[in-house]
Protein backbone atom coordinates (compact mmCIF):
# COMPACT_ATOMS: atom_id res chain seq x y z
CA MET A 1 111.18 100.28 120.38
CA SER A 2 108.05 100.59 117.93
CA ILE A 3 109.01 100.07 114.14
CA LEU A 4 106.98 101.20 111.44
CA VAL A 5 106.87 98.20 109.29
CA ASP A 6 106.46 98.79 105.60
CA THR A 7 103.48 97.41 103.66
CA SER A 8 106.24 94.93 102.08
CA VAL A 9 107.10 93.46 105.22
CA TRP A 10 103.60 92.66 106.11
CA SER A 11 102.77 91.40 102.47
CA ARG A 12 105.56 88.76 102.79
CA ALA A 13 103.79 87.15 106.04
CA LEU A 14 100.28 87.39 105.33
CA ARG A 15 100.51 86.18 101.29
CA ARG A 16 103.10 83.99 100.89
CA ARG A 17 102.64 81.17 103.26
CA ALA A 18 104.98 79.04 101.94
CA VAL A 19 108.17 81.13 101.69
CA ALA A 20 106.99 83.12 105.26
CA GLU A 21 107.93 79.87 107.05
CA SER A 22 111.76 80.33 106.84
CA SER A 23 111.84 84.57 105.74
CA THR A 24 114.33 86.18 108.39
CA VAL A 25 112.02 89.23 107.64
CA VAL A 26 108.66 86.96 108.64
CA ARG A 27 110.30 86.07 111.60
CA GLU A 28 111.50 89.66 113.08
CA LEU A 29 107.90 90.84 112.11
CA ARG A 30 106.80 88.08 114.55
CA THR A 31 108.98 88.98 117.24
CA LEU A 32 108.11 92.40 116.61
CA ILE A 33 104.06 91.79 116.98
CA THR A 34 105.07 89.42 119.93
CA GLU A 35 107.14 92.51 121.92
CA GLY A 36 104.11 95.12 121.15
CA ASN A 37 105.92 96.74 118.55
CA ALA A 38 105.21 96.43 115.20
CA LEU A 39 103.37 99.69 113.94
CA MET A 40 101.68 100.24 110.57
CA ILE A 41 100.02 103.46 109.23
CA GLY A 42 96.65 103.53 107.25
CA PRO A 43 97.77 103.89 103.72
CA VAL A 44 100.13 100.40 104.28
CA ARG A 45 96.74 98.64 105.88
CA GLN A 46 94.92 99.70 102.46
CA GLU A 47 97.18 98.49 100.36
CA LEU A 48 97.57 95.38 101.96
CA LEU A 49 93.34 95.07 102.06
CA SER A 50 93.39 96.06 98.18
CA GLY A 51 93.09 93.89 95.31
CA ILE A 52 91.54 90.85 97.51
CA GLN A 53 88.42 89.80 95.56
CA HIS A 54 87.04 86.95 97.86
CA VAL A 55 85.16 88.79 100.43
CA HIS A 56 86.13 85.67 103.34
CA GLN A 57 89.32 86.82 102.45
CA PHE A 58 89.00 90.69 102.88
CA THR A 59 87.06 90.16 106.24
CA GLU A 60 89.59 87.34 107.59
CA LEU A 61 92.20 89.93 106.84
CA GLN A 62 90.77 92.67 107.74
CA ASN A 63 90.28 91.87 111.24
CA LEU A 64 93.16 90.44 111.93
CA LEU A 65 94.93 94.12 111.31
CA ARG A 66 92.52 95.66 113.19
CA ALA A 67 94.67 94.33 115.69
CA PHE A 68 96.88 96.77 114.74
CA PRO A 69 95.86 100.00 115.06
CA ASP A 70 96.79 102.83 113.03
CA VAL A 71 99.64 105.32 113.53
CA THR A 72 97.40 108.42 113.32
CA LEU A 73 98.90 110.71 109.80
CA THR A 74 98.95 114.73 110.71
CA THR A 75 98.64 117.24 107.69
CA ASP A 76 102.17 118.00 108.68
CA ASP A 77 102.88 114.36 107.80
CA HIS A 78 101.17 114.53 104.18
CA GLU A 79 103.43 118.20 103.78
CA ARG A 80 106.54 116.41 105.24
CA ALA A 81 105.89 113.40 102.20
CA ALA A 82 105.86 115.78 99.71
CA GLU A 83 108.96 117.58 100.51
CA HIS A 84 110.30 113.63 100.84
CA PHE A 85 109.13 113.38 97.23
CA THR A 86 110.51 116.63 95.96
CA THR A 87 113.82 116.09 97.61
CA CYS A 88 113.81 112.18 96.32
CA ARG A 89 112.86 113.42 92.62
CA ARG A 90 115.96 115.90 92.39
CA ASN A 91 118.54 112.76 93.36
CA GLU A 92 117.14 110.73 90.86
CA VAL A 93 115.62 108.82 93.21
CA ARG A 94 111.94 107.28 92.76
CA GLY A 95 108.89 106.01 95.03
CA SER A 96 105.25 106.12 96.26
CA ASN A 97 103.08 108.21 98.02
CA THR A 98 102.72 105.76 100.39
CA ASP A 99 106.48 105.19 100.56
CA PHE A 100 106.76 109.35 101.60
CA LEU A 101 104.28 108.94 104.17
CA ILE A 102 106.18 106.15 105.99
CA CYS A 103 108.94 108.28 105.66
CA ALA A 104 107.72 111.34 107.42
CA VAL A 105 105.87 109.26 109.57
CA SER A 106 109.07 107.63 110.53
CA GLU A 107 110.78 110.68 111.11
CA ARG A 108 107.93 112.97 112.98
CA LEU A 109 108.01 109.96 115.90
CA HIS A 110 112.03 109.30 115.28
CA LEU A 111 110.62 105.09 114.77
CA PRO A 112 112.91 103.19 112.42
CA ILE A 113 111.51 101.47 109.06
CA PHE A 114 110.95 97.94 108.58
CA THR A 115 111.15 97.38 105.08
CA SER A 116 112.11 94.46 102.29
CA ASP A 117 111.34 97.00 99.65
CA ASP A 118 114.70 98.26 98.31
CA ASP A 119 113.76 102.02 97.24
CA PHE A 120 113.97 102.07 100.97
CA ASN A 121 117.99 102.16 101.12
CA HIS A 122 117.65 104.76 98.39
CA PHE A 123 115.50 107.35 100.74
CA ALA A 124 118.27 106.73 103.63
CA ARG A 125 120.45 107.99 101.64
CA VAL A 126 118.96 111.48 100.99
CA LEU A 127 116.23 111.45 103.56
CA PRO A 128 116.44 111.76 107.63
CA ILE A 129 115.38 108.33 108.13
CA ARG A 130 116.54 105.06 109.92
CA LEU A 131 115.82 101.31 108.83
CA HIS A 132 115.32 98.25 111.05
CA ARG A 133 117.37 95.64 110.65
CA PRO A 134 116.24 91.53 111.99
CA ARG A 135 118.15 90.95 114.32
CA PHE A 136 119.32 87.68 113.56
CA ASP A 137 119.96 86.26 109.68
CA ASP A 138 120.18 82.82 109.31
CA GLY A 139 120.99 82.76 105.80
CA ASN A 140 117.73 80.91 105.47
CA PRO A 141 116.43 82.85 101.94
CA GLU A 142 114.17 85.92 102.14
């Protein structure tokens, strides 16, 4: 089953190597990648590439991420993300535009979201989304 992976998980795996090696979240991402089940949207790619100051590091990460094609976003996704923003705000839940786009795509394609960002637990209480949990938890720190 395909899983929509949030920036927080990709970032943990790609930028924090010392912690990443023992992380349950990173091990689960590696499993999803091996199975061919890890998906991303363009705004997540943009967040991951933003702020990298060294050209060679940017190019290296850019080339690595090209192995994961973007899920195509539609006008409906953007409109639904705006509705999600309003729904969450009405329920005193805050999030970013990228977070709500992830939620909209998740809803449209019936894809669970894999994240280590606690905000998505709040979104899941008021939005029609499902969260993916790692299939194994060995008690190692995240």
